[in-house]
Amino acid sequence: MVQLSDIKKEIEELPQQEYNNLKRWFAEKEWEIWDKQIKEDSNSGKLDFLTKEA
């Protein structure tokens, strides 16, 4: 298994364009996770209080 320290070292050695691509990929992954969580919370009723407040 690859160690986090190895991954960090590889990231630090990336050319700028590749680093930018990686940042973009991470941001997109974060939004995917966020969207999934919001959908799950909405479907489970955890966000019902928001519609009541509105």
PDB file of N, CA and C in Angstrom:
ATOM      1  N   MET A   1       0.837  -1.185   0.000  1.00  0.00           N
ATOM      2  CA  MET A   1       0.000   0.000   0.000  1.00  0.00           C
ATOM      3  C   MET A   1       0.881   1.248   0.000  1.00  0.00           C
ATOM      4  N   VAL A   2       0.461   2.222  -0.744  1.00  0.00           N
ATOM      5  CA  VAL A   2       1.203   3.474  -0.848  1.00  0.00           C
ATOM      6  C   VAL A   2       0.979   4.297   0.424  1.00  0.00           C
ATOM      7  N   GLN A   3       2.037   4.853   0.932  1.00  0.00           N
ATOM      8  CA  GLN A   3       1.971   5.678   2.132  1.00  0.00           C
ATOM      9  C   GLN A   3       1.640   7.127   1.770  1.00  0.00           C
ATOM     10  N   LEU A   4       0.936   7.797   2.653  1.00  0.00           N
ATOM     11  CA  LEU A   4       0.580   9.193   2.434  1.00  0.00           C
ATOM     12  C   LEU A   4       1.823  10.051   2.215  1.00  0.00           C
ATOM     13  N   SER A   5       2.871   9.785   2.958  1.00  0.00           N
ATOM     14  CA  SER A   5       4.101  10.569   2.786  1.00  0.00           C
ATOM     15  C   SER A   5       4.655  10.429   1.367  1.00  0.00           C
ATOM     16  N   ASP A   6       4.521   9.244   0.770  1.00  0.00           N
ATOM     17  CA  ASP A   6       4.972   9.040  -0.607  1.00  0.00           C
ATOM     18  C   ASP A   6       4.103   9.831  -1.581  1.00  0.00           C
ATOM     19  N   ILE A   7       2.814   9.831  -1.339  1.00  0.00           N
ATOM     20  CA  ILE A   7       1.889  10.579  -2.198  1.00  0.00           C
ATOM     21  C   ILE A   7       2.197  12.069  -2.121  1.00  0.00           C
ATOM     22  N   LYS A   8       2.401  12.571  -0.924  1.00  0.00           N
ATOM     23  CA  LYS A   8       2.727  13.998  -0.754  1.00  0.00           C
ATOM     24  C   LYS A   8       3.995  14.366  -1.517  1.00  0.00           C
ATOM     25  N   LYS A   9       4.992  13.501  -1.413  1.00  0.00           N
ATOM     26  CA  LYS A   9       6.259  13.765  -2.106  1.00  0.00           C
ATOM     27  C   LYS A   9       6.038  13.823  -3.613  1.00  0.00           C
ATOM     28  N   GLU A  10       5.256  12.881  -4.141  1.00  0.00           N
ATOM     29  CA  GLU A  10       4.967  12.856  -5.577  1.00  0.00           C
ATOM     30  C   GLU A  10       4.209  14.113  -6.005  1.00  0.00           C
ATOM     31  N   ILE A  11       3.269  14.538  -5.189  1.00  0.00           N
ATOM     32  CA  ILE A  11       2.501  15.742  -5.509  1.00  0.00           C
ATOM     33  C   ILE A  11       3.419  16.956  -5.568  1.00  0.00           C
ATOM     34  N   GLU A  12       4.313  17.052  -4.614  1.00  0.00           N
ATOM     35  CA  GLU A  12       5.233  18.192  -4.582  1.00  0.00           C
ATOM     36  C   GLU A  12       6.143  18.228  -5.812  1.00  0.00           C
ATOM     37  N   GLU A  13       6.348  17.102  -6.451  1.00  0.00           N
ATOM     38  CA  GLU A  13       7.228  17.034  -7.610  1.00  0.00           C
ATOM     39  C   GLU A  13       6.492  17.182  -8.940  1.00  0.00           C
ATOM     40  N   LEU A  14       5.186  17.341  -8.887  1.00  0.00           N
ATOM     41  CA  LEU A  14       4.415  17.486 -10.124  1.00  0.00           C
ATOM     42  C   LEU A  14       4.725  18.798 -10.836  1.00  0.00           C
ATOM     43  N   PRO A  15       4.709  18.781 -12.156  1.00  0.00           N
ATOM     44  CA  PRO A  15       4.773  20.045 -12.898  1.00  0.00           C
ATOM     45  C   PRO A  15       3.522  20.876 -12.572  1.00  0.00           C
ATOM     46  N   GLN A  16       3.611  22.158 -12.714  1.00  0.00           N
ATOM     47  CA  GLN A  16       2.527  23.057 -12.328  1.00  0.00           C
ATOM     48  C   GLN A  16       1.189  22.678 -12.974  1.00  0.00           C
ATOM     49  N   GLN A  17       1.194  22.368 -14.258  1.00  0.00           N
ATOM     50  CA  GLN A  17      -0.064  22.030 -14.937  1.00  0.00           C
ATOM     51  C   GLN A  17      -0.688  20.754 -14.362  1.00  0.00           C
ATOM     52  N   GLU A  18       0.135  19.775 -14.082  1.00  0.00           N
ATOM     53  CA  GLU A  18      -0.376  18.532 -13.488  1.00  0.00           C
ATOM     54  C   GLU A  18      -0.910  18.788 -12.079  1.00  0.00           C
ATOM     55  N   TYR A  19      -0.221  19.639 -11.347  1.00  0.00           N
ATOM     56  CA  TYR A  19      -0.678  20.010 -10.007  1.00  0.00           C
ATOM     57  C   TYR A  19      -2.044  20.704 -10.090  1.00  0.00           C
ATOM     58  N   ASN A  20      -2.194  21.596 -11.053  1.00  0.00           N
ATOM     59  CA  ASN A  20      -3.479  22.280 -11.240  1.00  0.00           C
ATOM     60  C   ASN A  20      -4.584  21.286 -11.605  1.00  0.00           C
ATOM     61  N   ASN A  21      -4.247  20.327 -12.447  1.00  0.00           N
ATOM     62  CA  ASN A  21      -5.218  19.292 -12.812  1.00  0.00           C
ATOM     63  C   ASN A  21      -5.629  18.470 -11.591  1.00  0.00           C
ATOM     64  N   LEU A  22      -4.672  18.159 -10.745  1.00  0.00           N
ATOM     65  CA  LEU A  22      -4.962  17.399  -9.528  1.00  0.00           C
ATOM     66  C   LEU A  22      -5.866  18.197  -8.586  1.00  0.00           C
ATOM     67  N   LYS A  23      -5.575  19.490  -8.441  1.00  0.00           N
ATOM     68  CA  LYS A  23      -6.422  20.343  -7.590  1.00  0.00           C
ATOM     69  C   LYS A  23      -7.851  20.378  -8.117  1.00  0.00           C
ATOM     70  N   ARG A  24      -7.985  20.494  -9.424  1.00  0.00           N
ATOM     71  CA  ARG A  24      -9.311  20.517 -10.047  1.00  0.00           C
ATOM     72  C   ARG A  24     -10.036  19.201  -9.798  1.00  0.00           C
ATOM     73  N   TRP A  25      -9.317  18.099  -9.946  1.00  0.00           N
ATOM     74  CA  TRP A  25      -9.900  16.783  -9.720  1.00  0.00           C
ATOM     75  C   TRP A  25     -10.372  16.638  -8.274  1.00  0.00           C
ATOM     76  N   PHE A  26      -9.540  17.093  -7.326  1.00  0.00           N
ATOM     77  CA  PHE A  26      -9.934  17.030  -5.921  1.00  0.00           C
ATOM     78  C   PHE A  26     -11.174  17.875  -5.658  1.00  0.00           C
ATOM     79  N   ALA A  27     -11.220  19.049  -6.225  1.00  0.00           N
ATOM     80  CA  ALA A  27     -12.384  19.919  -6.031  1.00  0.00           C
ATOM     81  C   ALA A  27     -13.643  19.263  -6.579  1.00  0.00           C
ATOM     82  N   GLU A  28     -13.541  18.651  -7.751  1.00  0.00           N
ATOM     83  CA  GLU A  28     -14.690  17.966  -8.337  1.00  0.00           C
ATOM     84  C   GLU A  28     -15.130  16.792  -7.473  1.00  0.00           C
ATOM     85  N   LYS A  29     -14.173  16.038  -6.933  1.00  0.00           N
ATOM     86  CA  LYS A  29     -14.499  14.919  -6.047  1.00  0.00           C
ATOM     87  C   LYS A  29     -15.208  15.418  -4.795  1.00  0.00           C
ATOM     88  N   GLU A  30     -14.730  16.528  -4.239  1.00  0.00           N
ATOM     89  CA  GLU A  30     -15.370  17.093  -3.045  1.00  0.00           C
ATOM     90  C   GLU A  30     -16.813  17.475  -3.334  1.00  0.00           C
ATOM     91  N   TRP A  31     -17.065  18.088  -4.491  1.00  0.00           N
ATOM     92  CA  TRP A  31     -18.437  18.460  -4.849  1.00  0.00           C
ATOM     93  C   TRP A  31     -19.305  17.233  -5.050  1.00  0.00           C
ATOM     94  N   GLU A  32     -18.740  16.162  -5.650  1.00  0.00           N
ATOM     95  CA  GLU A  32     -19.495  14.923  -5.821  1.00  0.00           C
ATOM     96  C   GLU A  32     -19.907  14.351  -4.460  1.00  0.00           C
ATOM     97  N   ILE A  33     -18.965  14.331  -3.527  1.00  0.00           N
ATOM     98  CA  ILE A  33     -19.251  13.824  -2.184  1.00  0.00           C
ATOM     99  C   ILE A  33     -20.301  14.701  -1.510  1.00  0.00           C
ATOM    100  N   TRP A  34     -20.147  16.016  -1.631  1.00  0.00           N
ATOM    101  CA  TRP A  34     -21.101  16.969  -1.050  1.00  0.00           C
ATOM    102  C   TRP A  34     -22.501  16.746  -1.636  1.00  0.00           C
ATOM    103  N   ASP A  35     -22.588  16.657  -2.949  1.00  0.00           N
ATOM    104  CA  ASP A  35     -23.879  16.449  -3.602  1.00  0.00           C
ATOM    105  C   ASP A  35     -24.535  15.152  -3.142  1.00  0.00           C
ATOM    106  N   LYS A  36     -23.745  14.097  -3.049  1.00  0.00           N
ATOM    107  CA  LYS A  36     -24.272  12.806  -2.599  1.00  0.00           C
ATOM    108  C   LYS A  36     -24.798  12.914  -1.170  1.00  0.00           C
ATOM    109  N   GLN A  37     -24.044  13.572  -0.300  1.00  0.00           N
ATOM    110  CA  GLN A  37     -24.457  13.709   1.094  1.00  0.00           C
ATOM    111  C   GLN A  37     -25.729  14.540   1.211  1.00  0.00           C
ATOM    112  N   ILE A  38     -25.807  15.628   0.460  1.00  0.00           N
ATOM    113  CA  ILE A  38     -27.007  16.461   0.483  1.00  0.00           C
ATOM    114  C   ILE A  38     -28.220  15.659   0.014  1.00  0.00           C
ATOM    115  N   LYS A  39     -28.050  14.883  -1.050  1.00  0.00           N
ATOM    116  CA  LYS A  39     -29.148  14.064  -1.560  1.00  0.00           C
ATOM    117  C   LYS A  39     -29.592  13.040  -0.518  1.00  0.00           C
ATOM    118  N   GLU A  40     -28.626  12.376   0.107  1.00  0.00           N
ATOM    119  CA  GLU A  40     -28.950  11.387   1.141  1.00  0.00           C
ATOM    120  C   GLU A  40     -29.654  12.045   2.324  1.00  0.00           C
ATOM    121  N   ASP A  41     -29.156  13.193   2.752  1.00  0.00           N
ATOM    122  CA  ASP A  41     -29.775  13.894   3.876  1.00  0.00           C
ATOM    123  C   ASP A  41     -31.183  14.361   3.524  1.00  0.00           C
ATOM    124  N   SER A  42     -31.355  14.815   2.312  1.00  0.00           N
ATOM    125  CA  SER A  42     -32.669  15.259   1.868  1.00  0.00           C
ATOM    126  C   SER A  42     -33.653  14.093   1.818  1.00  0.00           C
ATOM    127  N   ASN A  43     -33.219  12.985   1.248  1.00  0.00           N
ATOM    128  CA  ASN A  43     -34.083  11.814   1.142  1.00  0.00           C
ATOM    129  C   ASN A  43     -34.435  11.217   2.501  1.00  0.00           C
ATOM    130  N   SER A  44     -33.540  11.362   3.472  1.00  0.00           N
ATOM    131  CA  SER A  44     -33.790  10.790   4.796  1.00  0.00           C
ATOM    132  C   SER A  44     -34.595  11.725   5.693  1.00  0.00           C
ATOM    133  N   GLY A  45     -34.845  12.953   5.233  1.00  0.00           N
ATOM    134  CA  GLY A  45     -35.622  13.904   6.020  1.00  0.00           C
ATOM    135  C   GLY A  45     -34.794  14.802   6.918  1.00  0.00           C
ATOM    136  N   LYS A  46     -33.483  14.653   6.889  1.00  0.00           N
ATOM    137  CA  LYS A  46     -32.626  15.465   7.756  1.00  0.00           C
ATOM    138  C   LYS A  46     -32.685  16.952   7.434  1.00  0.00           C
ATOM    139  N   LEU A  47     -33.124  17.284   6.232  1.00  0.00           N
ATOM    140  CA  LEU A  47     -33.155  18.692   5.831  1.00  0.00           C
ATOM    141  C   LEU A  47     -34.579  19.262   5.835  1.00  0.00           C
ATOM    142  N   ASP A  48     -35.535  18.499   6.344  1.00  0.00           N
ATOM    143  CA  ASP A  48     -36.922  18.957   6.364  1.00  0.00           C
ATOM    144  C   ASP A  48     -37.088  20.264   7.139  1.00  0.00           C
ATOM    145  N   PHE A  49     -36.252  20.455   8.150  1.00  0.00           N
ATOM    146  CA  PHE A  49     -36.353  21.676   8.938  1.00  0.00           C
ATOM    147  C   PHE A  49     -36.126  22.931   8.078  1.00  0.00           C
ATOM    148  N   LEU A  50     -35.354  22.781   7.007  1.00  0.00           N
ATOM    149  CA  LEU A  50     -35.091  23.937   6.143  1.00  0.00           C
ATOM    150  C   LEU A  50     -36.356  24.381   5.411  1.00  0.00           C
ATOM    151  N   THR A  51     -37.146  23.440   4.945  1.00  0.00           N
ATOM    152  CA  THR A  51     -38.384  23.820   4.264  1.00  0.00           C
ATOM    153  C   THR A  51     -39.397  24.397   5.253  1.00  0.00           C
ATOM    154  N   LYS A  52     -39.355  23.921   6.485  1.00  0.00           N
ATOM    155  CA  LYS A  52     -40.263  24.462   7.507  1.00  0.00           C
ATOM    156  C   LYS A  52     -39.884  25.915   7.829  1.00  0.00           C
ATOM    157  N   GLU A  53     -38.569  26.191   7.867  1.00  0.00           N
ATOM    158  CA  GLU A  53     -38.115  27.550   8.152  1.00  0.00           C
ATOM    159  C   GLU A  53     -38.429  28.503   7.013  1.00  0.00           C
ATOM    160  N   ALA A  54     -38.410  27.987   5.794  1.00  0.00           N
ATOM    161  CA  ALA A  54     -38.675  28.825   4.628  1.00  0.00           C
ATOM    162  C   ALA A  54     -40.148  29.083   4.558  1.00  0.00           C
TER     163      ALA A  54
END
